[in-house]
Structure formats: structure tokens, C-alpha cells
Amino acid sequence: MKSKPGRSSGRTVLVIDDNPWIRKLLMHAFLSKGFATCIEADSGKEGIEQAQQIRPDVIILDFAMPGMNGLQAAVGLRRLRPATPIILFTLYGDGPISAEASKVGINLVVPKTTPPTMLLDKVHELMGD
């Protein structure tokens, strides 16, 4: 599936991951595919604070983070942004986590082994592009 020019134009993504390398990788992928803004947070708590201040069009969330894991953060994010797609981008994508993720309002669980281009395709599907 090829990326349509301009379909991400003006959009904002919030990337919540405690790994700075993953945040930079995703930031580069989203910005190079037309997203206007990529906001980073290195913890669930910071991600919730960012979501209060901005209106992200999509949220990419890690599972394993210190202090507050992705499932816990998703509860607060879903309360703030009931209609915003949330993708759990994690190394722990199979089995019980997927079931728990849907219970807390996560739209999709994507393994971190997925190439960024495929993640972007899934983001566009969730946003109805």
C-alpha cells in the first residue's frame, strides 16, 4: 500500500516510549510521511500530560515503561481522548497483553518488529485514510 501524498498533512502524533532511539525512529518516520508534528514523551505520566495539552490525531504507546506501563497509561489517555486511535507498539504483543489492551481502549497492538512503513499504513487505516 503506497502512501498517498498529503493524507497526513497537518496531523499530530504523540509517541510515548522510554527508549529514545525508538522515539527518534518513529518521529522520523511520521514526519517524513507528512505528519506536521511529532510530540515525544518518555513515560506514561508524561504522555498523559502531553495529551492534555495537545490534541494528537494518533497515539503510539509502548507497553514496558518504568512507573506506569502502557496499559495503565492507556486508561488515562482514553479518558482524555476518547476518539483518538491508540496503538500499543510493543515487544510483548502476543497473547494476554492483546486481550488486556482492548479492554483498556487500545485500538491495535503492533509488534516492534514491524517496519515503520507498515506501522504508518496501520495508522492511516485507523484514522480512516
Protein backbone atom coordinates (compact mmCIF):
# COMPACT_ATOMS: atom_id res chain seq x y z
CA MET A 1 0.00 0.00 0.00
CA LYS A 2 1.62 3.23 -1.17
CA SER A 3 1.44 6.38 0.90
CA LYS A 4 -0.88 8.98 -0.62
CA PRO A 5 0.73 12.42 -0.72
CA GLY A 6 -0.79 14.80 1.78
CA ARG A 7 -3.01 12.35 3.63
CA SER A 8 -1.12 13.01 6.88
CA SER A 9 -0.86 16.73 6.30
CA GLY A 10 -1.43 18.80 9.43
CA ARG A 11 -1.71 15.76 11.69
CA THR A 12 -0.07 15.28 15.09
CA VAL A 13 1.27 12.04 16.54
CA LEU A 14 2.13 11.50 20.21
CA VAL A 15 4.87 8.89 20.72
CA ILE A 16 5.20 7.55 24.28
CA ASP A 17 8.21 5.28 24.76
CA ASP A 18 11.01 5.23 27.33
CA ASN A 19 13.55 4.31 24.63
CA PRO A 20 14.91 7.50 22.99
CA TRP A 21 16.07 5.53 19.93
CA ILE A 22 12.54 4.21 19.27
CA ARG A 23 11.07 7.70 19.74
CA LYS A 24 13.54 9.18 17.22
CA LEU A 25 12.91 6.35 14.73
CA LEU A 26 9.14 6.85 14.91
CA MET A 27 9.41 10.63 14.88
CA HIS A 28 11.48 10.47 11.70
CA ALA A 29 9.05 8.01 10.07
CA PHE A 30 5.95 10.10 10.84
CA LEU A 31 7.49 13.46 9.93
CA SER A 32 8.93 12.11 6.67
CA LYS A 33 5.46 10.84 5.70
CA GLY A 34 3.73 14.20 6.09
CA PHE A 35 2.72 14.43 9.74
CA ALA A 36 3.09 18.06 10.81
CA THR A 37 4.03 17.41 14.43
CA CYS A 38 5.50 14.58 16.47
CA ILE A 39 5.37 15.03 20.23
CA GLU A 40 7.52 12.74 22.36
CA ALA A 41 7.07 11.52 25.93
CA ASP A 42 9.37 9.14 27.80
CA SER A 43 6.81 7.85 30.31
CA GLY A 44 3.11 7.14 30.62
CA LYS A 45 2.72 10.03 33.07
CA GLU A 46 4.41 12.48 30.68
CA GLY A 47 2.33 11.11 27.78
CA ILE A 48 -0.90 11.80 29.65
CA GLU A 49 0.33 15.33 30.46
CA GLN A 50 1.17 15.90 26.77
CA ALA A 51 -2.25 14.58 25.68
CA GLN A 52 -3.89 17.14 27.99
CA GLN A 53 -2.03 19.97 26.25
CA ILE A 54 -2.22 18.88 22.62
CA ARG A 55 -4.83 17.14 20.51
CA PRO A 56 -2.98 14.21 18.95
CA ASP A 57 -4.55 12.57 15.92
CA VAL A 58 -2.96 9.26 16.91
CA ILE A 59 -1.05 7.95 19.94
CA ILE A 60 1.75 5.37 19.73
CA LEU A 61 2.35 3.81 23.13
CA ASP A 62 4.98 1.42 24.49
CA PHE A 63 3.96 -1.30 26.95
CA ALA A 64 7.03 -1.72 29.18
CA MET A 65 7.91 1.62 30.76
CA PRO A 66 9.03 2.44 34.31
CA GLY A 67 6.44 3.80 36.73
CA MET A 68 3.33 3.34 34.60
CA ASN A 69 3.05 0.71 31.88
CA GLY A 70 1.28 1.27 28.59
CA LEU A 71 -1.96 -0.37 29.69
CA GLN A 72 -2.15 1.88 32.74
CA ALA A 73 -1.35 4.95 30.64
CA ALA A 74 -3.98 3.96 28.07
CA VAL A 75 -6.74 4.25 30.69
CA GLY A 76 -5.85 7.92 31.30
CA LEU A 77 -5.27 8.64 27.61
CA ARG A 78 -8.62 7.11 26.64
CA ARG A 79 -10.39 9.26 29.25
CA LEU A 80 -8.79 12.41 27.81
CA ARG A 81 -9.07 11.48 24.14
CA PRO A 82 -11.99 9.06 23.69
CA ALA A 83 -11.90 9.08 19.88
CA THR A 84 -8.13 9.18 19.27
CA PRO A 85 -6.66 5.93 17.92
CA ILE A 86 -4.14 4.37 20.34
CA ILE A 87 -1.62 1.82 19.09
CA LEU A 88 0.38 -0.25 21.56
CA PHE A 89 3.80 -0.62 19.86
CA THR A 90 5.49 -3.30 21.90
CA LEU A 91 7.83 -6.26 22.10
CA TYR A 92 5.11 -8.06 24.10
CA GLY A 93 2.32 -8.05 21.52
CA ASP A 94 1.03 -11.60 21.70
CA GLY A 95 -1.42 -13.34 23.97
CA PRO A 96 -2.76 -11.84 27.18
CA ILE A 97 -1.47 -8.32 26.52
CA SER A 98 -3.58 -8.04 23.36
CA ALA A 99 -6.72 -9.02 25.27
CA GLU A 100 -5.92 -6.59 28.11
CA ALA A 101 -5.11 -3.85 25.59
CA SER A 102 -8.55 -3.97 24.01
CA LYS A 103 -10.19 -3.85 27.46
CA VAL A 104 -8.48 -0.51 28.24
CA GLY A 105 -9.33 1.08 24.90
CA ILE A 106 -6.23 0.38 22.81
CA ASN A 107 -7.26 0.05 19.17
CA LEU A 108 -4.38 -2.07 17.91
CA VAL A 109 -1.31 -3.93 19.19
CA VAL A 110 1.66 -3.83 16.81
CA PRO A 111 4.94 -5.68 17.44
CA LYS A 112 8.09 -3.53 17.49
CA THR A 113 9.49 -5.84 14.81
CA THR A 114 7.02 -4.22 12.36
CA PRO A 115 8.77 -1.83 9.94
CA PRO A 116 7.81 1.84 10.43
CA THR A 117 6.22 1.97 6.95
CA MET A 118 3.82 -0.83 7.89
CA LEU A 119 3.06 0.90 11.20
CA LEU A 120 2.19 4.06 9.26
CA ASP A 121 -0.14 2.05 6.99
CA LYS A 122 -1.94 0.76 10.09
CA VAL A 123 -2.16 4.31 11.48
CA HIS A 124 -3.78 5.51 8.25
CA GLU A 125 -6.25 2.61 8.36
CA LEU A 126 -7.27 3.50 11.92
CA MET A 127 -7.65 7.18 11.02
CA GLY A 128 -9.83 6.25 8.03
CA ASP A 129 -7.39 7.48 5.36
